[in-house]
Amino acid sequence: MPLPEDVGTPVDFPEAEVRIPPKKEPFFYGGQAVIEGVMMRGKSHYAVAVRLPNTKQIAVDRGELKAAIYVNPIWKLPFVRGLALIGEQLHLGMKALMWSANMNAGGHGVEIGKKEIRSSVAVAGVFALLLFIGLPLLLASLAVHRSGSFGFVVVEGVIRVGLVLGYLSVIALLPDVRRVFQYHGAEHKTINAFESGWPLEVSSVRRASLLHPRCGTGFLLVVLVVSVIVFSIVALFHPNWFWLIMSRVLAIPVIAGAGFELIRYMARHRTNPVVKVLLLPVLGTQKFTTREPTDDMLEVAIVAFNSAREGEEDTAGAAA
C-alpha cells in the first residue's frame, strides 16, 4: 500500500541486504523397465510397480535409498557419479528386477529364489563380456593385424557398436522382451510428461515422446564412442595382448565417468543447436529398446512415479 504524502519527519532506515537464494539444481528422475512393470528412482526413494498376471491389479514395492552410494557426497562428484550409476544399476536395478520376476512368477504359481536369479545374472554377465569385449577384439585382430594401431581401435569400436545394435534388434523379436521395451517406453513418456509440466494422466502422458536424452541406451552409445577415444590413447603404448585385454576392463571406470558427464551435459543443453545434432544418434539408438506402450502400461509407470514421489513427500512431512 502507498504511503500518504504528509508523513512528518522522514526517518532513515538502513537498506536491507537482499539475498537471492542460489538456484537449486533440478533433480532428474530416472527409472528402468522391469518384468511387467517399471521402477522409478526419486531423490531419496524408489518405487517398483508391476501388473499382476492373474488379478491385473498393480502391486507396488517402495523403499528408501539409504546406502552410501545414494547419500554420500563423494558419489555425487563429477566423473565419480558415472561409477555410481553403474553401481546403482547393479544394486537397485537388480533388486527391482528380482522383485518383479518373483511377482510375475508367483502369479503363475512359480517361486524363483535369489540363488537362481544371481546365477542367471552371473551367466549373462560372462556372456556379455565375451560377446561385447572378447569377440570385437578377436574380429578386429583378424581384420587389422597391428593390435596396437589406431585402425585396430576404430575397427574394434565399429564391430562392438554393430554387435550391440544387432543384439538388441534380435532380442526385440521375442514377445517377452518386446513387452519390456514397451514398459521402457512407458517410463520415458512418464518422465518426459513430468518434465514438461503435464498432468500425470494416461491421456496426457500418451502424448509425450518415447525418447529421452538421459536414457541408458543412449548412455551406452556415448560410452562406446568414448571407449574408442580412450583405447586410441592406449594404442599409443603398443600394448601386448595381455594388456590390451586388461585395458578394456581397467578403463571401464574412466569410460563410464566421462560418458556420464557427456550425456548429462547434452541433456542439460538439449536446446543448443550443436547439442541437438549430437543428440540425434543418442535418441536414435533408443528406438532399438523402446516401443509404444499400451494404456495399462502407462498406468503402471505413472503409479511407480507417483509412489516414488510420495515417499519423498512423506519424508519431508516427517522432517517438518
C-alpha atoms as a PDB file:
ATOM      1  CA  MET A   1       0.000   0.000   0.000  1.00  0.00           C
ATOM      2  CA  PRO A   2       1.462   3.501  -0.903  1.00  0.00           C
ATOM      3  CA  LEU A   3       2.288   5.850   1.982  1.00  0.00           C
ATOM      4  CA  PRO A   4       0.400   9.198   2.369  1.00  0.00           C
ATOM      5  CA  GLU A   5       2.316  12.259   1.190  1.00  0.00           C
ATOM      6  CA  ASP A   6       2.377  14.090   4.592  1.00  0.00           C
ATOM      7  CA  VAL A   7       4.107  11.631   6.902  1.00  0.00           C
ATOM      8  CA  GLY A   8       6.059  14.039   9.136  1.00  0.00           C
ATOM      9  CA  THR A   9       9.806  13.858   9.624  1.00  0.00           C
ATOM     10  CA  PRO A  10      11.362  11.239   7.497  1.00  0.00           C
ATOM     11  CA  VAL A  11      13.368   8.531   9.226  1.00  0.00           C
ATOM     12  CA  ASP A  12      16.304   6.884   7.503  1.00  0.00           C
ATOM     13  CA  PHE A  13      16.361   3.124   7.646  1.00  0.00           C
ATOM     14  CA  PRO A  14      19.388   1.095   6.666  1.00  0.00           C
ATOM     15  CA  GLU A  15      18.923  -0.633   3.388  1.00  0.00           C
ATOM     16  CA  ALA A  16      18.129  -4.253   3.884  1.00  0.00           C
ATOM     17  CA  GLU A  17      20.522  -6.618   2.224  1.00  0.00           C
ATOM     18  CA  VAL A  18      18.610  -8.573  -0.358  1.00  0.00           C
ATOM     19  CA  ARG A  19      19.908 -12.075  -0.674  1.00  0.00           C
ATOM     20  CA  ILE A  20      18.846 -14.123  -3.630  1.00  0.00           C
ATOM     21  CA  PRO A  21      18.885 -17.794  -2.730  1.00  0.00           C
ATOM     22  CA  PRO A  22      21.059 -19.868  -5.010  1.00  0.00           C
ATOM     23  CA  LYS A  23      19.171 -21.532  -7.799  1.00  0.00           C
ATOM     24  CA  LYS A  24      18.680 -25.150  -6.937  1.00  0.00           C
ATOM     25  CA  GLU A  25      19.736 -27.669  -9.490  1.00  0.00           C
ATOM     26  CA  PRO A  26      16.662 -29.577 -10.644  1.00  0.00           C
ATOM     27  CA  PHE A  27      16.563 -33.238  -9.746  1.00  0.00           C
ATOM     28  CA  PHE A  28      16.370 -35.583 -12.702  1.00  0.00           C
ATOM     29  CA  TYR A  29      14.185 -38.598 -12.112  1.00  0.00           C
ATOM     30  CA  GLY A  30      15.218 -41.886 -13.641  1.00  0.00           C
ATOM     31  CA  GLY A  31      13.978 -45.416 -13.926  1.00  0.00           C
ATOM     32  CA  GLN A  32      14.013 -48.633 -15.844  1.00  0.00           C
ATOM     33  CA  ALA A  33      11.654 -51.230 -17.218  1.00  0.00           C
ATOM     34  CA  VAL A  34      11.285 -54.480 -15.308  1.00  0.00           C
ATOM     35  CA  ILE A  35       9.202 -57.602 -15.920  1.00  0.00           C
ATOM     36  CA  GLU A  36       5.626 -56.413 -16.460  1.00  0.00           C
ATOM     37  CA  GLY A  37       6.370 -53.120 -14.765  1.00  0.00           C
ATOM     38  CA  VAL A  38       8.529 -50.074 -14.156  1.00  0.00           C
ATOM     39  CA  MET A  39      10.966 -48.945 -11.474  1.00  0.00           C
ATOM     40  CA  MET A  40      11.232 -45.212 -10.782  1.00  0.00           C
ATOM     41  CA  ARG A  41      14.100 -43.654  -8.842  1.00  0.00           C
ATOM     42  CA  GLY A  42      13.487 -40.403  -6.947  1.00  0.00           C
ATOM     43  CA  LYS A  43      15.616 -38.175  -4.727  1.00  0.00           C
ATOM     44  CA  SER A  44      15.541 -40.400  -1.682  1.00  0.00           C
ATOM     45  CA  HIS A  45      13.048 -43.138  -2.537  1.00  0.00           C
ATOM     46  CA  TYR A  46      12.401 -45.645  -5.255  1.00  0.00           C
ATOM     47  CA  ALA A  47       9.252 -47.491  -6.257  1.00  0.00           C
ATOM     48  CA  VAL A  48       8.569 -50.519  -8.424  1.00  0.00           C
ATOM     49  CA  ALA A  49       5.099 -51.096  -9.845  1.00  0.00           C
ATOM     50  CA  VAL A  50       4.087 -54.253 -11.700  1.00  0.00           C
ATOM     51  CA  ARG A  51       0.859 -55.564 -13.186  1.00  0.00           C
ATOM     52  CA  LEU A  52      -0.027 -58.899 -11.557  1.00  0.00           C
ATOM     53  CA  PRO A  53      -0.720 -61.611 -14.165  1.00  0.00           C
ATOM     54  CA  ASN A  54      -3.842 -63.078 -12.529  1.00  0.00           C
ATOM     55  CA  THR A  55      -5.743 -60.201 -10.941  1.00  0.00           C
ATOM     56  CA  LYS A  56      -4.370 -57.492 -13.291  1.00  0.00           C
ATOM     57  CA  GLN A  57      -4.007 -55.255 -10.233  1.00  0.00           C
ATOM     58  CA  ILE A  58      -0.922 -53.076  -9.749  1.00  0.00           C
ATOM     59  CA  ALA A  59       1.425 -54.137  -6.948  1.00  0.00           C
ATOM     60  CA  VAL A  60       3.921 -51.583  -5.599  1.00  0.00           C
ATOM     61  CA  ASP A  61       7.187 -52.037  -3.729  1.00  0.00           C
ATOM     62  CA  ARG A  62       8.614 -48.805  -2.318  1.00  0.00           C
ATOM     63  CA  GLY A  63      11.768 -48.186  -0.363  1.00  0.00           C
ATOM     64  CA  GLU A  64      14.172 -45.543   0.877  1.00  0.00           C
ATOM     65  CA  LEU A  65      17.626 -45.071  -0.644  1.00  0.00           C
ATOM     66  CA  LYS A  66      19.905 -45.237   2.390  1.00  0.00           C
ATOM     67  CA  ALA A  67      23.070 -46.893   1.073  1.00  0.00           C
ATOM     68  CA  ALA A  68      26.264 -44.827   0.872  1.00  0.00           C
ATOM     69  CA  ILE A  69      26.188 -44.858  -2.925  1.00  0.00           C
ATOM     70  CA  TYR A  70      22.967 -42.773  -2.766  1.00  0.00           C
ATOM     71  CA  VAL A  71      23.710 -40.421   0.152  1.00  0.00           C
ATOM     72  CA  ASN A  72      27.490 -39.994   0.381  1.00  0.00           C
ATOM     73  CA  PRO A  73      28.522 -36.733  -1.359  1.00  0.00           C
ATOM     74  CA  ILE A  74      31.639 -38.419  -2.758  1.00  0.00           C
ATOM     75  CA  TRP A  75      29.442 -40.378  -5.169  1.00  0.00           C
ATOM     76  CA  LYS A  76      27.937 -37.151  -6.486  1.00  0.00           C
ATOM     77  CA  LEU A  77      31.257 -35.695  -7.634  1.00  0.00           C
ATOM     78  CA  PRO A  78      31.839 -35.242 -11.378  1.00  0.00           C
ATOM     79  CA  PHE A  79      33.172 -38.373 -13.098  1.00  0.00           C
ATOM     80  CA  VAL A  80      32.725 -40.374  -9.873  1.00  0.00           C
ATOM     81  CA  ARG A  81      28.935 -40.266 -10.334  1.00  0.00           C
ATOM     82  CA  GLY A  82      29.322 -42.280 -13.532  1.00  0.00           C
ATOM     83  CA  LEU A  83      30.615 -45.158 -11.420  1.00  0.00           C
ATOM     84  CA  ALA A  84      27.746 -44.573  -9.003  1.00  0.00           C
ATOM     85  CA  LEU A  85      25.346 -45.039 -11.910  1.00  0.00           C
ATOM     86  CA  ILE A  86      26.846 -48.445 -12.695  1.00  0.00           C
ATOM     87  CA  GLY A  87      26.738 -49.407  -9.017  1.00  0.00           C
ATOM     88  CA  GLU A  88      23.136 -48.257  -8.816  1.00  0.00           C
ATOM     89  CA  GLN A  89      22.182 -50.410 -11.787  1.00  0.00           C
ATOM     90  CA  LEU A  90      23.820 -53.422 -10.193  1.00  0.00           C
ATOM     91  CA  HIS A  91      22.178 -52.779  -6.813  1.00  0.00           C
ATOM     92  CA  LEU A  92      18.827 -51.083  -7.302  1.00  0.00           C
ATOM     93  CA  GLY A  93      18.226 -52.262 -10.862  1.00  0.00           C
ATOM     94  CA  MET A  94      18.778 -55.912  -9.984  1.00  0.00           C
ATOM     95  CA  LYS A  95      16.745 -55.580  -6.785  1.00  0.00           C
ATOM     96  CA  ALA A  96      13.789 -54.204  -8.748  1.00  0.00           C
ATOM     97  CA  LEU A  97      14.188 -56.833 -11.462  1.00  0.00           C
ATOM     98  CA  MET A  98      14.280 -59.666  -8.920  1.00  0.00           C
ATOM     99  CA  TRP A  99      11.142 -58.397  -7.178  1.00  0.00           C
ATOM    100  CA  SER A 100       9.257 -58.029 -10.453  1.00  0.00           C
ATOM    101  CA  ALA A 101      10.345 -61.503 -11.567  1.00  0.00           C
ATOM    102  CA  ASN A 102       9.076 -63.034  -8.333  1.00  0.00           C
ATOM    103  CA  MET A 103       5.770 -61.152  -8.509  1.00  0.00           C
ATOM    104  CA  ASN A 104       5.228 -62.322 -12.070  1.00  0.00           C
ATOM    105  CA  ALA A 105       6.294 -65.911 -11.337  1.00  0.00           C
ATOM    106  CA  GLY A 106       4.174 -66.013  -8.185  1.00  0.00           C
ATOM    107  CA  GLY A 107       1.120 -65.211 -10.253  1.00  0.00           C
ATOM    108  CA  HIS A 108       1.809 -68.401 -12.205  1.00  0.00           C
ATOM    109  CA  GLY A 109       2.426 -70.497  -9.103  1.00  0.00           C
ATOM    110  CA  VAL A 110       6.232 -70.479  -9.509  1.00  0.00           C
ATOM    111  CA  GLU A 111       8.754 -69.283  -6.934  1.00  0.00           C
ATOM    112  CA  ILE A 112      12.163 -68.020  -8.012  1.00  0.00           C
ATOM    113  CA  GLY A 113      14.936 -67.965  -5.419  1.00  0.00           C
ATOM    114  CA  LYS A 114      17.701 -65.372  -5.144  1.00  0.00           C
ATOM    115  CA  LYS A 115      20.286 -68.022  -5.925  1.00  0.00           C
ATOM    116  CA  GLU A 116      18.693 -68.834  -9.266  1.00  0.00           C
ATOM    117  CA  ILE A 117      18.414 -65.172 -10.217  1.00  0.00           C
ATOM    118  CA  ARG A 118      22.007 -64.406  -9.204  1.00  0.00           C
ATOM    119  CA  SER A 119      23.262 -67.414 -11.158  1.00  0.00           C
ATOM    120  CA  SER A 120      21.355 -66.227 -14.235  1.00  0.00           C
ATOM    121  CA  VAL A 121      22.803 -62.730 -13.863  1.00  0.00           C
ATOM    122  CA  ALA A 122      26.345 -64.111 -13.481  1.00  0.00           C
ATOM    123  CA  VAL A 123      25.985 -66.215 -16.635  1.00  0.00           C
ATOM    124  CA  ALA A 124      24.545 -63.225 -18.513  1.00  0.00           C
ATOM    125  CA  GLY A 125      27.469 -61.072 -17.320  1.00  0.00           C
ATOM    126  CA  VAL A 126      30.072 -63.554 -18.577  1.00  0.00           C
ATOM    127  CA  PHE A 127      28.194 -63.857 -21.874  1.00  0.00           C
ATOM    128  CA  ALA A 128      28.150 -60.051 -22.258  1.00  0.00           C
ATOM    129  CA  LEU A 129      31.906 -59.787 -21.601  1.00  0.00           C
ATOM    130  CA  LEU A 130      32.665 -62.452 -24.184  1.00  0.00           C
ATOM    131  CA  LEU A 131      30.255 -61.022 -26.768  1.00  0.00           C
ATOM    132  CA  PHE A 132      30.940 -57.299 -26.410  1.00  0.00           C
ATOM    133  CA  ILE A 133      34.596 -57.274 -25.342  1.00  0.00           C
ATOM    134  CA  GLY A 134      36.168 -60.592 -26.341  1.00  0.00           C
ATOM    135  CA  LEU A 135      34.522 -61.055 -29.764  1.00  0.00           C
ATOM    136  CA  PRO A 136      35.226 -57.481 -31.027  1.00  0.00           C
ATOM    137  CA  LEU A 137      38.892 -57.912 -30.059  1.00  0.00           C
ATOM    138  CA  LEU A 138      39.068 -61.245 -31.901  1.00  0.00           C
ATOM    139  CA  LEU A 139      37.321 -59.991 -35.047  1.00  0.00           C
ATOM    140  CA  ALA A 140      39.368 -56.780 -35.106  1.00  0.00           C
ATOM    141  CA  SER A 141      42.593 -58.807 -34.857  1.00  0.00           C
ATOM    142  CA  LEU A 142      41.533 -60.779 -37.942  1.00  0.00           C
ATOM    143  CA  ALA A 143      40.826 -57.567 -39.870  1.00  0.00           C
ATOM    144  CA  VAL A 144      43.785 -55.484 -38.616  1.00  0.00           C
ATOM    145  CA  HIS A 145      46.951 -57.356 -37.671  1.00  0.00           C
ATOM    146  CA  ARG A 146      48.519 -54.460 -35.761  1.00  0.00           C
ATOM    147  CA  SER A 147      46.686 -54.684 -32.446  1.00  0.00           C
ATOM    148  CA  GLY A 148      48.245 -51.508 -31.119  1.00  0.00           C
ATOM    149  CA  SER A 149      47.236 -49.282 -34.029  1.00  0.00           C
ATOM    150  CA  PHE A 150      44.540 -46.629 -34.273  1.00  0.00           C
ATOM    151  CA  GLY A 151      42.922 -48.544 -37.124  1.00  0.00           C
ATOM    152  CA  PHE A 152      42.558 -51.580 -34.865  1.00  0.00           C
ATOM    153  CA  VAL A 153      40.753 -49.490 -32.236  1.00  0.00           C
ATOM    154  CA  VAL A 154      38.362 -47.991 -34.801  1.00  0.00           C
ATOM    155  CA  VAL A 155      37.533 -51.376 -36.338  1.00  0.00           C
ATOM    156  CA  GLU A 156      37.046 -52.851 -32.866  1.00  0.00           C
ATOM    157  CA  GLY A 157      34.714 -49.980 -31.925  1.00  0.00           C
ATOM    158  CA  VAL A 158      32.642 -50.310 -35.109  1.00  0.00           C
ATOM    159  CA  ILE A 159      32.305 -54.062 -34.576  1.00  0.00           C
ATOM    160  CA  ARG A 160      31.255 -53.531 -30.943  1.00  0.00           C
ATOM    161  CA  VAL A 161      28.569 -50.997 -31.921  1.00  0.00           C
ATOM    162  CA  GLY A 162      27.317 -53.349 -34.631  1.00  0.00           C
ATOM    163  CA  LEU A 163      27.149 -56.259 -32.184  1.00  0.00           C
ATOM    164  CA  VAL A 164      25.243 -54.225 -29.582  1.00  0.00           C
ATOM    165  CA  LEU A 165      22.674 -52.906 -32.061  1.00  0.00           C
ATOM    166  CA  GLY A 166      22.355 -56.282 -33.744  1.00  0.00           C
ATOM    167  CA  TYR A 167      21.824 -57.999 -30.401  1.00  0.00           C
ATOM    168  CA  LEU A 168      19.113 -55.502 -29.423  1.00  0.00           C
ATOM    169  CA  SER A 169      17.400 -55.945 -32.787  1.00  0.00           C
ATOM    170  CA  VAL A 170      17.318 -59.743 -32.433  1.00  0.00           C
ATOM    171  CA  ILE A 171      16.050 -59.901 -28.845  1.00  0.00           C
ATOM    172  CA  ALA A 172      13.355 -57.315 -29.676  1.00  0.00           C
ATOM    173  CA  LEU A 173      11.726 -60.034 -31.789  1.00  0.00           C
ATOM    174  CA  LEU A 174      10.958 -62.033 -28.627  1.00  0.00           C
ATOM    175  CA  PRO A 175       7.433 -61.255 -27.337  1.00  0.00           C
ATOM    176  CA  ASP A 176       8.505 -61.017 -23.667  1.00  0.00           C
ATOM    177  CA  VAL A 177      11.382 -58.659 -24.493  1.00  0.00           C
ATOM    178  CA  ARG A 178       9.095 -56.549 -26.655  1.00  0.00           C
ATOM    179  CA  ARG A 179       6.809 -56.069 -23.634  1.00  0.00           C
ATOM    180  CA  VAL A 180       9.809 -54.939 -21.567  1.00  0.00           C
ATOM    181  CA  PHE A 181      10.648 -52.447 -24.316  1.00  0.00           C
ATOM    182  CA  GLN A 182       7.032 -51.197 -24.177  1.00  0.00           C
ATOM    183  CA  TYR A 183       7.370 -50.620 -20.443  1.00  0.00           C
ATOM    184  CA  HIS A 184      10.641 -48.824 -21.211  1.00  0.00           C
ATOM    185  CA  GLY A 185       8.661 -46.532 -23.482  1.00  0.00           C
ATOM    186  CA  ALA A 186       6.086 -46.008 -20.724  1.00  0.00           C
ATOM    187  CA  GLU A 187       8.871 -44.987 -18.330  1.00  0.00           C
ATOM    188  CA  HIS A 188      10.229 -42.441 -20.841  1.00  0.00           C
ATOM    189  CA  LYS A 189       6.813 -40.985 -21.584  1.00  0.00           C
ATOM    190  CA  THR A 190       6.010 -40.537 -17.885  1.00  0.00           C
ATOM    191  CA  ILE A 191       9.268 -38.738 -17.100  1.00  0.00           C
ATOM    192  CA  ASN A 192       9.003 -36.599 -20.244  1.00  0.00           C
ATOM    193  CA  ALA A 193       5.447 -35.614 -19.302  1.00  0.00           C
ATOM    194  CA  PHE A 194       6.529 -34.683 -15.766  1.00  0.00           C
ATOM    195  CA  GLU A 195       9.484 -32.610 -17.007  1.00  0.00           C
ATOM    196  CA  SER A 196       7.140 -30.832 -19.426  1.00  0.00           C
ATOM    197  CA  GLY A 197       4.754 -29.945 -16.582  1.00  0.00           C
ATOM    198  CA  TRP A 198       1.909 -32.041 -17.980  1.00  0.00           C
ATOM    199  CA  PRO A 199      -0.651 -33.804 -15.757  1.00  0.00           C
ATOM    200  CA  LEU A 200       0.392 -37.363 -14.959  1.00  0.00           C
ATOM    201  CA  GLU A 201      -2.682 -38.896 -16.513  1.00  0.00           C
ATOM    202  CA  VAL A 202      -2.731 -41.561 -19.196  1.00  0.00           C
ATOM    203  CA  SER A 203      -4.276 -39.215 -21.783  1.00  0.00           C
ATOM    204  CA  SER A 204      -1.519 -36.583 -21.429  1.00  0.00           C
ATOM    205  CA  VAL A 205       1.375 -38.970 -20.830  1.00  0.00           C
ATOM    206  CA  ARG A 206       0.384 -40.751 -24.035  1.00  0.00           C
ATOM    207  CA  ARG A 207       1.328 -37.558 -25.990  1.00  0.00           C
ATOM    208  CA  ALA A 208       4.861 -37.462 -24.578  1.00  0.00           C
ATOM    209  CA  SER A 209       7.907 -38.627 -26.529  1.00  0.00           C
ATOM    210  CA  LEU A 210       9.230 -42.179 -26.421  1.00  0.00           C
ATOM    211  CA  LEU A 211      12.781 -40.822 -26.443  1.00  0.00           C
ATOM    212  CA  HIS A 212      14.726 -39.152 -23.643  1.00  0.00           C
ATOM    213  CA  PRO A 213      18.277 -37.719 -23.736  1.00  0.00           C
ATOM    214  CA  ARG A 214      19.271 -39.361 -20.425  1.00  0.00           C
ATOM    215  CA  CYS A 215      18.284 -42.888 -21.451  1.00  0.00           C
ATOM    216  CA  GLY A 216      20.600 -45.763 -20.565  1.00  0.00           C
ATOM    217  CA  THR A 217      20.613 -46.934 -24.184  1.00  0.00           C
ATOM    218  CA  GLY A 218      21.851 -43.514 -25.295  1.00  0.00           C
ATOM    219  CA  PHE A 219      24.409 -43.618 -22.474  1.00  0.00           C
ATOM    220  CA  LEU A 220      25.613 -46.948 -23.859  1.00  0.00           C
ATOM    221  CA  LEU A 221      26.222 -45.382 -27.270  1.00  0.00           C
ATOM    222  CA  VAL A 222      28.153 -42.479 -25.713  1.00  0.00           C
ATOM    223  CA  VAL A 223      30.232 -44.982 -23.735  1.00  0.00           C
ATOM    224  CA  LEU A 224      31.071 -46.851 -26.928  1.00  0.00           C
ATOM    225  CA  VAL A 225      32.240 -43.622 -28.580  1.00  0.00           C
ATOM    226  CA  VAL A 226      34.292 -42.590 -25.532  1.00  0.00           C
ATOM    227  CA  SER A 227      35.869 -46.057 -25.434  1.00  0.00           C
ATOM    228  CA  VAL A 228      37.260 -45.548 -28.952  1.00  0.00           C
ATOM    229  CA  ILE A 229      38.954 -42.335 -27.780  1.00  0.00           C
ATOM    230  CA  VAL A 230      40.343 -43.931 -24.594  1.00  0.00           C
ATOM    231  CA  PHE A 231      41.567 -47.066 -26.344  1.00  0.00           C
ATOM    232  CA  SER A 232      43.200 -44.918 -29.041  1.00  0.00           C
ATOM    233  CA  ILE A 233      45.345 -43.396 -26.289  1.00  0.00           C
ATOM    234  CA  VAL A 234      46.145 -46.887 -25.004  1.00  0.00           C
ATOM    235  CA  ALA A 235      47.185 -47.884 -28.536  1.00  0.00           C
ATOM    236  CA  LEU A 236      49.962 -45.266 -28.441  1.00  0.00           C
ATOM    237  CA  PHE A 237      51.815 -47.525 -25.959  1.00  0.00           C
ATOM    238  CA  HIS A 238      51.570 -50.565 -28.285  1.00  0.00           C
ATOM    239  CA  PRO A 239      50.349 -52.976 -25.588  1.00  0.00           C
ATOM    240  CA  ASN A 240      50.663 -56.733 -25.942  1.00  0.00           C
ATOM    241  CA  TRP A 241      47.566 -58.932 -25.929  1.00  0.00           C
ATOM    242  CA  PHE A 242      47.522 -59.274 -22.133  1.00  0.00           C
ATOM    243  CA  TRP A 243      47.496 -55.516 -21.526  1.00  0.00           C
ATOM    244  CA  LEU A 244      45.188 -54.982 -24.493  1.00  0.00           C
ATOM    245  CA  ILE A 245      42.535 -57.130 -22.805  1.00  0.00           C
ATOM    246  CA  MET A 246      43.244 -55.710 -19.343  1.00  0.00           C
ATOM    247  CA  SER A 247      42.922 -52.155 -20.659  1.00  0.00           C
ATOM    248  CA  ARG A 248      39.370 -52.917 -21.813  1.00  0.00           C
ATOM    249  CA  VAL A 249      38.457 -53.910 -18.249  1.00  0.00           C
ATOM    250  CA  LEU A 250      40.520 -51.402 -16.257  1.00  0.00           C
ATOM    251  CA  ALA A 251      39.329 -48.472 -18.384  1.00  0.00           C
ATOM    252  CA  ILE A 252      35.666 -49.078 -17.505  1.00  0.00           C
ATOM    253  CA  PRO A 253      35.642 -46.507 -14.627  1.00  0.00           C
ATOM    254  CA  VAL A 254      37.217 -43.816 -16.824  1.00  0.00           C
ATOM    255  CA  ILE A 255      34.895 -44.513 -19.745  1.00  0.00           C
ATOM    256  CA  ALA A 256      31.786 -44.659 -17.535  1.00  0.00           C
ATOM    257  CA  GLY A 257      32.704 -41.405 -15.777  1.00  0.00           C
ATOM    258  CA  ALA A 258      33.402 -39.492 -18.977  1.00  0.00           C
ATOM    259  CA  GLY A 259      30.355 -40.952 -20.720  1.00  0.00           C
ATOM    260  CA  PHE A 260      28.054 -39.968 -17.877  1.00  0.00           C
ATOM    261  CA  GLU A 261      29.309 -36.377 -17.850  1.00  0.00           C
ATOM    262  CA  LEU A 262      28.809 -36.098 -21.610  1.00  0.00           C
ATOM    263  CA  ILE A 263      25.251 -37.449 -21.550  1.00  0.00           C
ATOM    264  CA  ARG A 264      24.446 -35.224 -18.568  1.00  0.00           C
ATOM    265  CA  TYR A 265      25.804 -32.148 -20.340  1.00  0.00           C
ATOM    266  CA  MET A 266      23.837 -32.879 -23.504  1.00  0.00           C
ATOM    267  CA  ALA A 267      20.634 -33.450 -21.520  1.00  0.00           C
ATOM    268  CA  ARG A 268      21.018 -30.093 -19.776  1.00  0.00           C
ATOM    269  CA  HIS A 269      21.740 -28.214 -23.007  1.00  0.00           C
ATOM    270  CA  ARG A 270      19.381 -30.090 -25.303  1.00  0.00           C
ATOM    271  CA  THR A 271      18.073 -26.837 -26.832  1.00  0.00           C
ATOM    272  CA  ASN A 272      21.548 -25.817 -28.049  1.00  0.00           C
ATOM    273  CA  PRO A 273      21.725 -26.212 -31.860  1.00  0.00           C
ATOM    274  CA  VAL A 274      25.043 -28.096 -31.753  1.00  0.00           C
ATOM    275  CA  VAL A 275      23.908 -30.340 -28.916  1.00  0.00           C
ATOM    276  CA  LYS A 276      20.678 -31.055 -30.803  1.00  0.00           C
ATOM    277  CA  VAL A 277      22.723 -32.515 -33.642  1.00  0.00           C
ATOM    278  CA  LEU A 278      24.921 -34.530 -31.249  1.00  0.00           C
ATOM    279  CA  LEU A 279      21.808 -35.914 -29.564  1.00  0.00           C
ATOM    280  CA  LEU A 280      20.383 -37.317 -32.803  1.00  0.00           C
ATOM    281  CA  PRO A 281      22.303 -40.636 -32.666  1.00  0.00           C
ATOM    282  CA  VAL A 282      21.746 -40.843 -28.897  1.00  0.00           C
ATOM    283  CA  LEU A 283      17.990 -40.538 -29.367  1.00  0.00           C
ATOM    284  CA  GLY A 284      18.008 -42.703 -32.479  1.00  0.00           C
ATOM    285  CA  THR A 285      19.648 -45.586 -30.610  1.00  0.00           C
ATOM    286  CA  GLN A 286      16.732 -45.629 -28.154  1.00  0.00           C
ATOM    287  CA  LYS A 287      14.431 -46.787 -30.947  1.00  0.00           C
ATOM    288  CA  PHE A 288      16.053 -50.199 -30.524  1.00  0.00           C
ATOM    289  CA  THR A 289      14.884 -50.500 -26.881  1.00  0.00           C
ATOM    290  CA  THR A 290      11.564 -48.615 -26.759  1.00  0.00           C
ATOM    291  CA  ARG A 291       8.159 -49.442 -28.179  1.00  0.00           C
ATOM    292  CA  GLU A 292       4.802 -47.696 -27.896  1.00  0.00           C
ATOM    293  CA  PRO A 293       3.185 -48.803 -24.627  1.00  0.00           C
ATOM    294  CA  THR A 294      -0.457 -49.637 -24.052  1.00  0.00           C
ATOM    295  CA  ASP A 295      -2.619 -47.540 -21.737  1.00  0.00           C
ATOM    296  CA  ASP A 296      -2.402 -50.084 -18.925  1.00  0.00           C
ATOM    297  CA  MET A 297       1.406 -49.963 -19.177  1.00  0.00           C
ATOM    298  CA  LEU A 298       1.327 -46.169 -18.905  1.00  0.00           C
ATOM    299  CA  GLU A 299      -0.853 -46.537 -15.833  1.00  0.00           C
ATOM    300  CA  VAL A 300       1.769 -48.781 -14.205  1.00  0.00           C
ATOM    301  CA  ALA A 301       4.560 -46.284 -14.972  1.00  0.00           C
ATOM    302  CA  ILE A 302       2.535 -43.397 -13.540  1.00  0.00           C
ATOM    303  CA  VAL A 303       1.834 -45.371 -10.347  1.00  0.00           C
ATOM    304  CA  ALA A 304       5.550 -46.129  -9.961  1.00  0.00           C
ATOM    305  CA  PHE A 305       6.498 -42.477 -10.484  1.00  0.00           C
ATOM    306  CA  ASN A 306       3.891 -41.129  -8.077  1.00  0.00           C
ATOM    307  CA  SER A 307       4.819 -43.754  -5.477  1.00  0.00           C
ATOM    308  CA  ALA A 308       8.488 -42.712  -5.587  1.00  0.00           C
ATOM    309  CA  ARG A 309       7.494 -39.057  -5.123  1.00  0.00           C
ATOM    310  CA  GLU A 310       5.047 -39.899  -2.319  1.00  0.00           C
ATOM    311  CA  GLY A 311       7.957 -41.370  -0.414  1.00  0.00           C
ATOM    312  CA  GLU A 312       9.775 -38.057  -0.677  1.00  0.00           C
ATOM    313  CA  GLU A 313       6.709 -36.146   0.485  1.00  0.00           C
ATOM    314  CA  ASP A 314       6.319 -38.472   3.469  1.00  0.00           C
ATOM    315  CA  THR A 315       9.931 -37.814   4.469  1.00  0.00           C
ATOM    316  CA  ALA A 316       9.515 -34.042   4.087  1.00  0.00           C
ATOM    317  CA  GLY A 317       6.404 -34.112   6.261  1.00  0.00           C
ATOM    318  CA  ALA A 318       8.157 -36.085   8.990  1.00  0.00           C
ATOM    319  CA  ALA A 319      11.125 -33.704   8.967  1.00  0.00           C
ATOM    320  CA  ALA A 320       8.821 -30.685   9.340  1.00  0.00           C
END
